[in-house]
Structures are given as C-alpha cells and as structure tokens.
PDB file of N, CA and C in Angstrom:
ATOM      1  N   UNK A   1     -10.953   8.664  21.637  1.00  0.00           N
ATOM      2  CA  UNK A   1      -9.427   8.883  22.020  1.00  0.00           C
ATOM      3  C   UNK A   1      -8.396   7.817  21.700  1.00  0.00           C
ATOM      4  N   UNK A   2      -8.797   6.433  22.068  1.00  0.00           N
ATOM      5  CA  UNK A   2      -8.099   5.603  22.516  1.00  0.00           C
ATOM      6  C   UNK A   2      -7.434   4.927  20.596  1.00  0.00           C
ATOM      7  N   UNK A   3      -8.679   5.420  19.405  1.00  0.00           N
ATOM      8  CA  UNK A   3      -8.450   4.804  18.064  1.00  0.00           C
ATOM      9  C   UNK A   3      -7.579   6.039  17.650  1.00  0.00           C
ATOM     10  N   UNK A   4      -7.374   6.727  18.056  1.00  0.00           N
ATOM     11  CA  UNK A   4      -6.644   7.980  17.340  1.00  0.00           C
ATOM     12  C   UNK A   4      -5.017   7.895  17.717  1.00  0.00           C
ATOM     13  N   UNK A   5      -5.074   6.904  19.062  1.00  0.00           N
ATOM     14  CA  UNK A   5      -3.420   6.985  19.554  1.00  0.00           C
ATOM     15  C   UNK A   5      -3.062   5.407  19.041  1.00  0.00           C
ATOM     16  N   UNK A   6      -3.949   4.938  18.488  1.00  0.00           N
ATOM     17  CA  UNK A   6      -3.468   2.978  18.316  1.00  0.00           C
ATOM     18  C   UNK A   6      -2.986   3.783  16.483  1.00  0.00           C
ATOM     19  N   UNK A   7      -3.974   4.640  16.089  1.00  0.00           N
ATOM     20  CA  UNK A   7      -3.940   4.863  14.373  1.00  0.00           C
ATOM     21  C   UNK A   7      -2.249   5.673  14.654  1.00  0.00           C
ATOM     22  N   UNK A   8      -2.403   6.495  15.463  1.00  0.00           N
ATOM     23  CA  UNK A   8      -1.427   7.159  15.048  1.00  0.00           C
ATOM     24  C   UNK A   8       0.264   6.390  15.807  1.00  0.00           C
ATOM     25  N   UNK A   9      -0.168   5.308  16.447  1.00  0.00           N
ATOM     26  CA  UNK A   9       1.155   4.347  16.660  1.00  0.00           C
ATOM     27  C   UNK A   9       1.488   3.474  15.924  1.00  0.00           C
ATOM     28  N   UNK A  10       0.535   2.680  15.479  1.00  0.00           N
ATOM     29  CA  UNK A  10       0.463   1.845  14.091  1.00  0.00           C
ATOM     30  C   UNK A  10       1.603   2.521  12.869  1.00  0.00           C
ATOM     31  N   UNK A  11       0.651   3.623  12.695  1.00  0.00           N
ATOM     32  CA  UNK A  11       1.114   4.262  11.313  1.00  0.00           C
ATOM     33  C   UNK A  11       2.714   4.716  11.401  1.00  0.00           C
ATOM     34  N   UNK A  12       2.972   5.233  12.215  1.00  0.00           N
ATOM     35  CA  UNK A  12       4.401   5.743  13.118  1.00  0.00           C
ATOM     36  C   UNK A  12       5.043   4.311  12.779  1.00  0.00           C
ATOM     37  N   UNK A  13       4.927   3.413  13.519  1.00  0.00           N
ATOM     38  CA  UNK A  13       5.382   2.348  13.381  1.00  0.00           C
ATOM     39  C   UNK A  13       6.144   1.708  11.747  1.00  0.00           C
ATOM     40  N   UNK A  14       5.323   2.055  10.937  1.00  0.00           N
ATOM     41  CA  UNK A  14       5.362   1.388   9.755  1.00  0.00           C
ATOM     42  C   UNK A  14       6.151   2.154   9.252  1.00  0.00           C
ATOM     43  N   UNK A  15       6.252   3.893   9.467  1.00  0.00           N
ATOM     44  CA  UNK A  15       7.231   4.896   8.784  1.00  0.00           C
ATOM     45  C   UNK A  15       8.320   4.668   9.411  1.00  0.00           C
ATOM     46  N   UNK A  16       8.575   4.284  11.057  1.00  0.00           N
ATOM     47  CA  UNK A  16       9.766   3.931  11.533  1.00  0.00           C
ATOM     48  C   UNK A  16      10.794   2.669  10.755  1.00  0.00           C
ATOM     49  N   UNK A  17       9.498   1.597  10.453  1.00  0.00           N
ATOM     50  CA  UNK A  17       9.887   0.393   9.572  1.00  0.00           C
ATOM     51  C   UNK A  17      10.863   0.941   8.836  1.00  0.00           C
ATOM     52  N   UNK A  18      10.166   1.451   7.731  1.00  0.00           N
ATOM     53  CA  UNK A  18      10.816   2.548   6.424  1.00  0.00           C
ATOM     54  C   UNK A  18      12.214   2.880   6.537  1.00  0.00           C
ATOM     55  N   UNK A  19      11.851   3.737   7.773  1.00  0.00           N
ATOM     56  CA  UNK A  19      13.060   4.581   8.207  1.00  0.00           C
ATOM     57  C   UNK A  19      14.125   3.475   8.574  1.00  0.00           C
ATOM     58  N   UNK A  20      14.155   2.301   9.130  1.00  0.00           N
ATOM     59  CA  UNK A  20      15.362   2.132   9.291  1.00  0.00           C
ATOM     60  C   UNK A  20      15.538   1.113   8.433  1.00  0.00           C
ATOM     61  N   UNK A  21      14.593   0.685   7.228  1.00  0.00           N
ATOM     62  CA  UNK A  21      15.195  -0.212   5.842  1.00  0.00           C
ATOM     63  C   UNK A  21      15.938   1.068   5.129  1.00  0.00           C
ATOM     64  N   UNK A  22      15.793   2.248   5.161  1.00  0.00           N
ATOM     65  CA  UNK A  22      16.593   2.668   4.072  1.00  0.00           C
ATOM     66  C   UNK A  22      17.807   3.621   5.368  1.00  0.00           C
ATOM     67  N   UNK A  23      18.233   3.884   6.520  1.00  0.00           N
ATOM     68  CA  UNK A  23      19.109   4.047   7.137  1.00  0.00           C
ATOM     69  C   UNK A  23      20.098   2.673   7.587  1.00  0.00           C
ATOM     70  N   UNK A  24      19.449   1.877   8.420  1.00  0.00           N
ATOM     71  CA  UNK A  24      20.140   0.438   8.906  1.00  0.00           C
ATOM     72  C   UNK A  24      21.163  -0.263   7.575  1.00  0.00           C
ATOM     73  N   UNK A  25      19.993  -0.552   6.539  1.00  0.00           N
ATOM     74  CA  UNK A  25      19.852  -1.490   5.602  1.00  0.00           C
ATOM     75  C   UNK A  25      20.347  -1.168   4.205  1.00  0.00           C
ATOM     76  N   UNK A  26      20.147   0.341   4.554  1.00  0.00           N
ATOM     77  CA  UNK A  26      20.921   1.397   3.176  1.00  0.00           C
ATOM     78  C   UNK A  26      20.093   0.761   1.841  1.00  0.00           C
ATOM     79  N   UNK A  27      18.928   0.608   2.175  1.00  0.00           N
ATOM     80  CA  UNK A  27      17.828   0.403   0.852  1.00  0.00           C
ATOM     81  C   UNK A  27      17.673   1.820   0.410  1.00  0.00           C
ATOM     82  N   UNK A  28      17.427   1.524  -1.535  1.00  0.00           N
ATOM     83  CA  UNK A  28      16.717   2.956  -1.342  1.00  0.00           C
ATOM     84  C   UNK A  28      15.273   2.962  -1.081  1.00  0.00           C
ATOM     85  N   UNK A  29      14.758   4.729  -1.563  1.00  0.00           N
ATOM     86  CA  UNK A  29      13.299   4.901  -1.201  1.00  0.00           C
ATOM     87  C   UNK A  29      12.786   3.881  -2.351  1.00  0.00           C
ATOM     88  N   UNK A  30      12.452   3.449  -3.206  1.00  0.00           N
ATOM     89  CA  UNK A  30      12.346   2.648  -4.197  1.00  0.00           C
ATOM     90  C   UNK A  30      12.430   1.235  -3.864  1.00  0.00           C
ATOM     91  N   UNK A  31      13.247   0.971  -3.322  1.00  0.00           N
ATOM     92  CA  UNK A  31      13.047  -0.479  -2.636  1.00  0.00           C
ATOM     93  C   UNK A  31      12.194  -0.586  -1.251  1.00  0.00           C
ATOM     94  N   UNK A  32      12.646   0.434  -0.441  1.00  0.00           N
ATOM     95  CA  UNK A  32      11.636   0.757   0.882  1.00  0.00           C
ATOM     96  C   UNK A  32      10.288   0.017   0.483  1.00  0.00           C
ATOM     97  N   UNK A  33      10.106   1.383  -0.380  1.00  0.00           N
ATOM     98  CA  UNK A  33       8.727   1.553  -1.115  1.00  0.00           C
ATOM     99  C   UNK A  33       8.111  -0.339  -1.506  1.00  0.00           C
ATOM    100  N   UNK A  34       8.828  -0.651  -2.167  1.00  0.00           N
ATOM    101  CA  UNK A  34       8.294  -2.321  -2.990  1.00  0.00           C
ATOM    102  C   UNK A  34       8.645  -2.767  -1.740  1.00  0.00           C
ATOM    103  N   UNK A  35       9.544  -2.810  -0.715  1.00  0.00           N
ATOM    104  CA  UNK A  35       9.562  -3.951   0.856  1.00  0.00           C
ATOM    105  C   UNK A  35       8.016  -3.882   1.346  1.00  0.00           C
ATOM    106  N   UNK A  36       7.670  -2.427   1.789  1.00  0.00           N
ATOM    107  CA  UNK A  36       6.620  -1.989   2.498  1.00  0.00           C
ATOM    108  C   UNK A  36       5.526  -2.896   1.489  1.00  0.00           C
ATOM    109  N   UNK A  37       5.168  -2.645   0.083  1.00  0.00           N
ATOM    110  CA  UNK A  37       3.722  -2.756  -0.414  1.00  0.00           C
ATOM    111  C   UNK A  37       3.933  -4.370  -0.091  1.00  0.00           C
ATOM    112  N   UNK A  38       5.082  -4.874  -0.484  1.00  0.00           N
ATOM    113  CA  UNK A  38       5.118  -6.743  -0.477  1.00  0.00           C
ATOM    114  C   UNK A  38       4.753  -7.302   0.903  1.00  0.00           C
ATOM    115  N   UNK A  39       5.310  -6.458   1.629  1.00  0.00           N
ATOM    116  CA  UNK A  39       5.180  -6.999   3.075  1.00  0.00           C
ATOM    117  C   UNK A  39       3.516  -6.781   3.142  1.00  0.00           C
ATOM    118  N   UNK A  40       2.669  -5.707   2.821  1.00  0.00           N
ATOM    119  CA  UNK A  40       1.425  -5.741   3.268  1.00  0.00           C
ATOM    120  C   UNK A  40       0.657  -6.320   2.227  1.00  0.00           C
ATOM    121  N   UNK A  41       1.072  -6.701   0.762  1.00  0.00           N
ATOM    122  CA  UNK A  41       0.458  -8.090   0.704  1.00  0.00           C
ATOM    123  C   UNK A  41       0.310  -9.113   1.003  1.00  0.00           C
ATOM    124  N   UNK A  42       1.840  -9.617   1.438  1.00  0.00           N
ATOM    125  CA  UNK A  42       1.735 -10.876   2.096  1.00  0.00           C
ATOM    126  C   UNK A  42       0.610 -11.060   3.313  1.00  0.00           C
ATOM    127  N   UNK A  43       0.931 -10.005   4.356  1.00  0.00           N
ATOM    128  CA  UNK A  43       0.230 -10.098   5.388  1.00  0.00           C
ATOM    129  C   UNK A  43      -1.603  -9.634   5.032  1.00  0.00           C
ATOM    130  N   UNK A  44      -1.706  -9.293   3.716  1.00  0.00           N
ATOM    131  CA  UNK A  44      -3.601  -9.205   3.485  1.00  0.00           C
ATOM    132  C   UNK A  44      -3.324 -10.965   3.148  1.00  0.00           C
ATOM    133  N   UNK A  45      -2.801 -11.650   2.144  1.00  0.00           N
ATOM    134  CA  UNK A  45      -2.634 -12.761   1.661  1.00  0.00           C
ATOM    135  C   UNK A  45      -3.110 -13.249   2.736  1.00  0.00           C
ATOM    136  N   UNK A  46      -2.507 -13.293   3.885  1.00  0.00           N
ATOM    137  CA  UNK A  46      -2.382 -14.289   4.993  1.00  0.00           C
ATOM    138  C   UNK A  46      -3.426 -13.845   5.586  1.00  0.00           C
ATOM    139  N   UNK A  47      -4.406 -13.399   5.730  1.00  0.00           N
ATOM    140  CA  UNK A  47      -5.492 -12.387   6.758  1.00  0.00           C
ATOM    141  C   UNK A  47      -5.188 -11.574   7.790  1.00  0.00           C
ATOM    142  N   UNK A  48      -3.719 -11.430   7.405  1.00  0.00           N
ATOM    143  CA  UNK A  48      -3.185 -10.297   8.763  1.00  0.00           C
ATOM    144  C   UNK A  48      -3.808  -9.024   8.792  1.00  0.00           C
ATOM    145  N   UNK A  49      -3.496  -8.514   7.323  1.00  0.00           N
ATOM    146  CA  UNK A  49      -3.885  -7.513   7.456  1.00  0.00           C
ATOM    147  C   UNK A  49      -5.162  -6.228   7.788  1.00  0.00           C
ATOM    148  N   UNK A  50      -6.205  -7.411   7.136  1.00  0.00           N
ATOM    149  CA  UNK A  50      -7.534  -6.713   7.610  1.00  0.00           C
ATOM    150  C   UNK A  50      -8.171  -6.641   9.220  1.00  0.00           C
ATOM    151  N   UNK A  51      -7.342  -7.357  10.261  1.00  0.00           N
ATOM    152  CA  UNK A  51      -7.197  -6.899  11.739  1.00  0.00           C
ATOM    153  C   UNK A  51      -6.735  -5.551  11.910  1.00  0.00           C
ATOM    154  N   UNK A  52      -5.628  -5.509  11.367  1.00  0.00           N
ATOM    155  CA  UNK A  52      -4.653  -4.764  11.775  1.00  0.00           C
ATOM    156  C   UNK A  52      -5.527  -3.404  11.535  1.00  0.00           C
ATOM    157  N   UNK A  53      -5.761  -3.451  10.668  1.00  0.00           N
ATOM    158  CA  UNK A  53      -6.798  -2.351   9.679  1.00  0.00           C
ATOM    159  C   UNK A  53      -8.045  -2.221  10.337  1.00  0.00           C
ATOM    160  N   UNK A  54      -8.645  -3.051  11.462  1.00  0.00           N
ATOM    161  CA  UNK A  54      -9.908  -2.851  12.266  1.00  0.00           C
ATOM    162  C   UNK A  54      -9.101  -1.903  13.712  1.00  0.00           C
ATOM    163  N   UNK A  55      -7.996  -2.675  13.875  1.00  0.00           N
ATOM    164  CA  UNK A  55      -7.762  -2.159  15.415  1.00  0.00           C
ATOM    165  C   UNK A  55      -6.856  -0.854  14.668  1.00  0.00           C
ATOM    166  N   UNK A  56      -6.285  -0.400  13.992  1.00  0.00           N
ATOM    167  CA  UNK A  56      -5.512   0.475  14.113  1.00  0.00           C
ATOM    168  C   UNK A  56      -5.813   1.856  13.111  1.00  0.00           C
ATOM    169  N   UNK A  57      -7.709   1.242  12.208  1.00  0.00           N
ATOM    170  CA  UNK A  57      -8.113   2.353  11.675  1.00  0.00           C
ATOM    171  C   UNK A  57      -6.831   3.194  10.164  1.00  0.00           C
ATOM    172  N   UNK A  58      -7.060   4.420  10.440  1.00  0.00           N
ATOM    173  CA  UNK A  58      -6.239   5.056   9.292  1.00  0.00           C
ATOM    174  C   UNK A  58      -4.560   4.767   9.744  1.00  0.00           C
ATOM    175  N   UNK A  59      -4.041   4.389  11.094  1.00  0.00           N
ATOM    176  CA  UNK A  59      -3.040   4.381  10.511  1.00  0.00           C
ATOM    177  C   UNK A  59      -2.160   2.994   9.691  1.00  0.00           C
ATOM    178  N   UNK A  60      -3.142   1.912   9.711  1.00  0.00           N
ATOM    179  CA  UNK A  60      -2.711   0.907   8.580  1.00  0.00           C
ATOM    180  C   UNK A  60      -3.544   1.098   7.130  1.00  0.00           C
ATOM    181  N   UNK A  61      -4.054   1.873   7.306  1.00  0.00           N
ATOM    182  CA  UNK A  61      -5.204   2.131   5.871  1.00  0.00           C
ATOM    183  C   UNK A  61      -4.333   2.997   5.049  1.00  0.00           C
ATOM    184  N   UNK A  62      -3.535   4.050   5.625  1.00  0.00           N
ATOM    185  CA  UNK A  62      -3.165   5.011   4.600  1.00  0.00           C
ATOM    186  C   UNK A  62      -1.760   4.766   4.319  1.00  0.00           C
ATOM    187  N   UNK A  63      -0.860   4.058   5.296  1.00  0.00           N
ATOM    188  CA  UNK A  63       0.308   3.500   4.226  1.00  0.00           C
ATOM    189  C   UNK A  63       0.486   2.997   3.305  1.00  0.00           C
ATOM    190  N   UNK A  64       1.826   2.858   2.492  1.00  0.00           N
ATOM    191  CA  UNK A  64       1.726   1.843   1.321  1.00  0.00           C
ATOM    192  C   UNK A  64       1.984   0.656   1.317  1.00  0.00           C
ATOM    193  N   UNK A  65       1.860  -0.029   2.932  1.00  0.00           N
ATOM    194  CA  UNK A  65       1.856  -1.307   2.596  1.00  0.00           C
ATOM    195  C   UNK A  65       0.538  -1.740   2.801  1.00  0.00           C
ATOM    196  N   UNK A  66      -0.778  -0.791   2.775  1.00  0.00           N
ATOM    197  CA  UNK A  66      -2.086  -1.226   2.460  1.00  0.00           C
ATOM    198  C   UNK A  66      -2.157  -0.944   0.843  1.00  0.00           C
ATOM    199  N   UNK A  67      -1.437  -0.582   0.365  1.00  0.00           N
ATOM    200  CA  UNK A  67      -1.829  -0.567  -1.094  1.00  0.00           C
ATOM    201  C   UNK A  67      -1.812  -2.150  -1.606  1.00  0.00           C
ATOM    202  N   UNK A  68      -0.151  -2.762  -1.054  1.00  0.00           N
ATOM    203  CA  UNK A  68      -0.553  -4.387  -1.432  1.00  0.00           C
ATOM    204  C   UNK A  68      -1.572  -5.333  -0.670  1.00  0.00           C
ATOM    205  N   UNK A  69      -1.738  -4.719   0.461  1.00  0.00           N
ATOM    206  CA  UNK A  69      -3.175  -5.527   0.818  1.00  0.00           C
ATOM    207  C   UNK A  69      -4.244  -5.422   0.168  1.00  0.00           C
ATOM    208  N   UNK A  70      -4.311  -4.406  -0.329  1.00  0.00           N
ATOM    209  CA  UNK A  70      -5.842  -3.879  -1.638  1.00  0.00           C
ATOM    210  C   UNK A  70      -5.317  -4.501  -3.127  1.00  0.00           C
ATOM    211  N   UNK A  71      -3.775  -4.635  -3.620  1.00  0.00           N
ATOM    212  CA  UNK A  71      -3.733  -5.559  -4.426  1.00  0.00           C
ATOM    213  C   UNK A  71      -4.167  -7.086  -4.728  1.00  0.00           C
ATOM    214  N   UNK A  72      -3.877  -7.255  -3.346  1.00  0.00           N
ATOM    215  CA  UNK A  72      -3.965  -9.128  -2.835  1.00  0.00           C
ATOM    216  C   UNK A  72      -5.542  -8.919  -2.686  1.00  0.00           C
ATOM    217  N   UNK A  73      -6.390  -8.204  -1.805  1.00  0.00           N
ATOM    218  CA  UNK A  73      -7.643  -8.449  -1.812  1.00  0.00           C
ATOM    219  C   UNK A  73      -8.444  -8.349  -2.808  1.00  0.00           C
ATOM    220  N   UNK A  74      -7.965  -7.628  -3.987  1.00  0.00           N
ATOM    221  CA  UNK A  74      -8.752  -7.571  -5.281  1.00  0.00           C
ATOM    222  C   UNK A  74      -8.484  -8.647  -5.961  1.00  0.00           C
ATOM    223  N   UNK A  75      -7.202  -8.985  -5.626  1.00  0.00           N
ATOM    224  CA  UNK A  75      -7.249 -10.237  -6.607  1.00  0.00           C
ATOM    225  C   UNK A  75      -7.746 -11.341  -6.493  1.00  0.00           C
ATOM    226  N   UNK A  76      -7.852 -11.811  -4.883  1.00  0.00           N
ATOM    227  CA  UNK A  76      -8.634 -12.603  -4.230  1.00  0.00           C
ATOM    228  C   UNK A  76     -10.098 -12.777  -4.077  1.00  0.00           C
ATOM    229  N   UNK A  77     -11.177 -11.442  -4.225  1.00  0.00           N
ATOM    230  CA  UNK A  77     -12.030 -11.837  -4.542  1.00  0.00           C
ATOM    231  C   UNK A  77     -12.801 -11.848  -6.073  1.00  0.00           C
ATOM    232  N   UNK A  78     -11.725 -11.384  -6.923  1.00  0.00           N
ATOM    233  CA  UNK A  78     -11.766 -11.538  -8.387  1.00  0.00           C
ATOM    234  C   UNK A  78     -11.967 -12.855  -8.636  1.00  0.00           C
ATOM    235  N   UNK A  79     -10.772 -13.559  -8.124  1.00  0.00           N
ATOM    236  CA  UNK A  79     -10.363 -14.527  -8.684  1.00  0.00           C
ATOM    237  C   UNK A  79     -11.082 -16.111  -7.626  1.00  0.00           C
ATOM    238  N   UNK A  80     -12.258 -15.301  -7.016  1.00  0.00           N
ATOM    239  CA  UNK A  80     -13.420 -16.570  -6.486  1.00  0.00           C
ATOM    240  C   UNK A  80     -14.013 -16.404  -7.422  1.00  0.00           C
ATOM    241  N   UNK A  81     -14.653 -15.254  -7.929  1.00  0.00           N
ATOM    242  CA  UNK A  81     -15.808 -14.890  -8.624  1.00  0.00           C
ATOM    243  C   UNK A  81     -15.367 -15.202 -10.463  1.00  0.00           C
ATOM    244  N   UNK A  82     -14.167 -15.001 -10.718  1.00  0.00           N
ATOM    245  CA  UNK A  82     -14.007 -14.986 -12.280  1.00  0.00           C
ATOM    246  C   UNK A  82     -12.938 -16.265 -12.735  1.00  0.00           C
ATOM    247  N   UNK A  83     -12.145 -16.845 -11.825  1.00  0.00           N
ATOM    248  CA  UNK A  83     -11.341 -17.986 -12.099  1.00  0.00           C
ATOM    249  C   UNK A  83     -10.279 -16.755 -11.996  1.00  0.00           C
ATOM    250  N   UNK A  84      -8.983 -17.672 -12.988  1.00  0.00           N
ATOM    251  CA  UNK A  84      -7.885 -16.912 -13.368  1.00  0.00           C
ATOM    252  C   UNK A  84      -7.599 -15.494 -13.844  1.00  0.00           C
ATOM    253  N   UNK A  85      -8.701 -15.607 -14.897  1.00  0.00           N
ATOM    254  CA  UNK A  85      -8.734 -14.139 -15.091  1.00  0.00           C
ATOM    255  C   UNK A  85      -8.843 -12.759 -14.028  1.00  0.00           C
ATOM    256  N   UNK A  86      -9.754 -13.343 -13.198  1.00  0.00           N
ATOM    257  CA  UNK A  86     -10.101 -12.402 -11.944  1.00  0.00           C
ATOM    258  C   UNK A  86      -8.800 -12.264 -11.147  1.00  0.00           C
ATOM    259  N   UNK A  87      -7.634 -12.775 -11.204  1.00  0.00           N
ATOM    260  CA  UNK A  87      -6.483 -12.784 -10.354  1.00  0.00           C
ATOM    261  C   UNK A  87      -5.634 -11.439 -11.035  1.00  0.00           C
ATOM    262  N   UNK A  88      -5.945 -11.037 -12.556  1.00  0.00           N
ATOM    263  CA  UNK A  88      -5.391 -10.045 -13.085  1.00  0.00           C
ATOM    264  C   UNK A  88      -6.440  -8.840 -13.074  1.00  0.00           C
ATOM    265  N   UNK A  89      -7.524  -9.146 -13.112  1.00  0.00           N
ATOM    266  CA  UNK A  89      -8.356  -7.764 -13.758  1.00  0.00           C
ATOM    267  C   UNK A  89      -8.674  -7.270 -11.616  1.00  0.00           C
ATOM    268  N   UNK A  90      -8.739  -8.133 -11.046  1.00  0.00           N
ATOM    269  CA  UNK A  90      -9.047  -8.067  -9.692  1.00  0.00           C
ATOM    270  C   UNK A  90      -7.880  -6.811  -8.985  1.00  0.00           C
ATOM    271  N   UNK A  91      -6.728  -6.892  -9.202  1.00  0.00           N
ATOM    272  CA  UNK A  91      -5.599  -6.250  -8.765  1.00  0.00           C
ATOM    273  C   UNK A  91      -5.859  -4.707  -9.303  1.00  0.00           C
ATOM    274  N   UNK A  92      -6.638  -4.201 -10.625  1.00  0.00           N
ATOM    275  CA  UNK A  92      -6.846  -3.241 -10.690  1.00  0.00           C
ATOM    276  C   UNK A  92      -8.036  -2.560 -10.727  1.00  0.00           C
ATOM    277  N   UNK A  93      -9.158  -3.832 -10.255  1.00  0.00           N
ATOM    278  CA  UNK A  93     -10.240  -3.237 -10.295  1.00  0.00           C
ATOM    279  C   UNK A  93     -10.240  -2.387  -8.816  1.00  0.00           C
ATOM    280  N   UNK A  94      -9.681  -2.919  -7.738  1.00  0.00           N
ATOM    281  CA  UNK A  94      -9.906  -2.196  -6.360  1.00  0.00           C
ATOM    282  C   UNK A  94      -8.354  -0.671  -6.024  1.00  0.00           C
ATOM    283  N   UNK A  95      -7.941  -0.975  -6.795  1.00  0.00           N
ATOM    284  CA  UNK A  95      -6.831   0.246  -6.921  1.00  0.00           C
ATOM    285  C   UNK A  95      -6.179   0.991  -8.377  1.00  0.00           C
ATOM    286  N   UNK A  96      -7.513   0.887  -8.895  1.00  0.00           N
ATOM    287  CA  UNK A  96      -7.592   1.854 -10.041  1.00  0.00           C
ATOM    288  C   UNK A  96      -7.623   3.152  -9.865  1.00  0.00           C
ATOM    289  N   UNK A  97      -8.403   3.500  -8.313  1.00  0.00           N
ATOM    290  CA  UNK A  97      -8.207   4.984  -8.196  1.00  0.00           C
ATOM    291  C   UNK A  97      -7.111   5.686  -8.382  1.00  0.00           C
ATOM    292  N   UNK A  98      -6.526   5.033  -7.294  1.00  0.00           N
ATOM    293  CA  UNK A  98      -4.979   5.482  -6.693  1.00  0.00           C
ATOM    294  C   UNK A  98      -3.900   5.434  -7.921  1.00  0.00           C
ATOM    295  N   UNK A  99      -4.201   4.454  -8.632  1.00  0.00           N
ATOM    296  CA  UNK A  99      -3.044   4.190  -9.686  1.00  0.00           C
ATOM    297  C   UNK A  99      -3.539   5.219 -11.162  1.00  0.00           C
ATOM    298  N   UNK A 100      -4.623   6.191 -11.206  1.00  0.00           N
ATOM    299  CA  UNK A 100      -4.710   6.854 -11.995  1.00  0.00           C
ATOM    300  C   UNK A 100      -4.527   8.287 -11.306  1.00  0.00           C
ATOM    301  N   UNK A 101      -4.661   8.681  -9.989  1.00  0.00           N
ATOM    302  CA  UNK A 101      -4.663   9.431  -9.782  1.00  0.00           C
ATOM    303  C   UNK A 101      -3.084   9.761  -9.292  1.00  0.00           C
ATOM    304  N   UNK A 102      -2.110   8.802  -8.985  1.00  0.00           N
ATOM    305  CA  UNK A 102      -0.784   9.155  -9.646  1.00  0.00           C
ATOM    306  C   UNK A 102      -0.264   9.365 -11.022  1.00  0.00           C
ATOM    307  N   UNK A 103      -0.760   8.381 -12.165  1.00  0.00           N
ATOM    308  CA  UNK A 103      -0.738   9.125 -12.933  1.00  0.00           C
ATOM    309  C   UNK A 103      -0.137  10.860 -13.764  1.00  0.00           C
ATOM    310  N   UNK A 104      -1.771  10.889 -13.712  1.00  0.00           N
ATOM    311  CA  UNK A 104      -2.456  11.961 -13.551  1.00  0.00           C
ATOM    312  C   UNK A 104      -1.559  12.977 -12.845  1.00  0.00           C
ATOM    313  N   UNK A 105      -1.698  13.161 -11.521  1.00  0.00           N
ATOM    314  CA  UNK A 105      -0.916  14.329 -10.701  1.00  0.00           C
ATOM    315  C   UNK A 105       0.676  14.074 -10.836  1.00  0.00           C
ATOM    316  N   UNK A 106       1.037  12.903 -11.241  1.00  0.00           N
ATOM    317  CA  UNK A 106       2.434  13.145 -11.812  1.00  0.00           C
ATOM    318  C   UNK A 106       2.435  14.072 -13.146  1.00  0.00           C
ATOM    319  N   UNK A 107       1.811  13.615 -14.138  1.00  0.00           N
ATOM    320  CA  UNK A 107       1.912  14.280 -15.793  1.00  0.00           C
ATOM    321  C   UNK A 107       1.417  15.771 -14.960  1.00  0.00           C
ATOM    322  N   UNK A 108       0.885  16.302 -14.443  1.00  0.00           N
ATOM    323  CA  UNK A 108       0.485  17.448 -13.837  1.00  0.00           C
ATOM    324  C   UNK A 108       1.827  18.216 -13.471  1.00  0.00           C
ATOM    325  N   UNK A 109       2.258  17.643 -12.829  1.00  0.00           N
ATOM    326  CA  UNK A 109       3.597  17.841 -12.099  1.00  0.00           C
ATOM    327  C   UNK A 109       4.617  17.999 -12.795  1.00  0.00           C
ATOM    328  N   UNK A 110       4.328  17.373 -13.728  1.00  0.00           N
ATOM    329  CA  UNK A 110       5.845  17.384 -14.897  1.00  0.00           C
ATOM    330  C   UNK A 110       5.622  18.799 -15.903  1.00  0.00           C
ATOM    331  N   UNK A 111       4.781  18.872 -16.255  1.00  0.00           N
ATOM    332  CA  UNK A 111       3.889  20.256 -16.722  1.00  0.00           C
ATOM    333  C   UNK A 111       4.635  21.709 -15.904  1.00  0.00           C
ATOM    334  N   UNK A 112       4.350  21.802 -14.462  1.00  0.00           N
ATOM    335  CA  UNK A 112       4.580  22.166 -14.063  1.00  0.00           C
ATOM    336  C   UNK A 112       5.906  22.763 -13.637  1.00  0.00           C
ATOM    337  N   UNK A 113       7.042  21.915 -13.132  1.00  0.00           N
ATOM    338  CA  UNK A 113       8.250  21.777 -12.527  1.00  0.00           C
ATOM    339  C   UNK A 113       8.739  20.720 -13.838  1.00  0.00           C
ATOM    340  N   UNK A 114      10.186  21.727 -14.056  1.00  0.00           N
ATOM    341  CA  UNK A 114      10.933  20.684 -14.624  1.00  0.00           C
ATOM    342  C   UNK A 114      11.621  19.780 -14.223  1.00  0.00           C
ATOM    343  N   UNK A 115      11.383  18.700 -15.037  1.00  0.00           N
ATOM    344  CA  UNK A 115      11.257  16.932 -14.919  1.00  0.00           C
ATOM    345  C   UNK A 115      13.295  16.697 -14.584  1.00  0.00           C
ATOM    346  N   UNK A 116      13.670  15.973 -14.080  1.00  0.00           N
ATOM    347  CA  UNK A 116      14.723  15.960 -14.434  1.00  0.00           C
ATOM    348  C   UNK A 116      15.098  14.386 -15.409  1.00  0.00           C
ATOM    349  N   UNK A 117      16.003  14.327 -16.152  1.00  0.00           N
ATOM    350  CA  UNK A 117      16.044  13.172 -17.273  1.00  0.00           C
ATOM    351  C   UNK A 117      15.505  13.375 -18.026  1.00  0.00           C
TER     352      UNK A 117
END
C-alpha cells in the first residue's frame, strides 16, 4: 500500500508541475511537454531519475518525463557499447515501441476523425 501511495503522490506532483508551467508561466502544452521530457533527460543523465523510479514506481515511470530518461539511458548504453554511432541508435532502440505506437495510432485517429489543418 505504501508503494501505491508514493506512486500516486510522485505522479501527481509531476502533473502538478506541468499544470503550473501552463497556468503560471503560460507555456503551451507543447512547450510543457518538451520541458518535462528535457527535465527527465537531464535527471536521467545525472543518474537521478532511476532512483526516483525505484522509489515511486509507476508514478515516475508513466509520465512523459520518463520518456526523456529513456532516451538518455538508451543513448548512454549504446554509446558505451558502440561509440559515437551508439548515441544515435540507442535513442531509438529503447523508445522505438512508444514512437511507433504514437505514429500508428495518430494515423488511425486521423482516418477516423476529421483532422484540423
């Protein structure tokens, strides 16, 4: 039960930070998303995001900030193994499922609904 509470609190805190960015600092949703992804990447690069995931579980691994952490983690692992080219390939190796799903489901949604633009 304790783990569920921390997951709820940490996940909620990440969402509150995103809402504050939009309401107080008047950032657009796109800017807020990018800010959270970059923050997750920086925390991941500094080795601070993985302990947060161990502590809060899904509360830290589900929000968009986890995507930034995954990008950095993949780049670091592959760079250690393959050198410079690993920086590029590692980013996509870990996150390819999420990226592919976003593209496929976005395409399906555009077929079902009338897209703007």
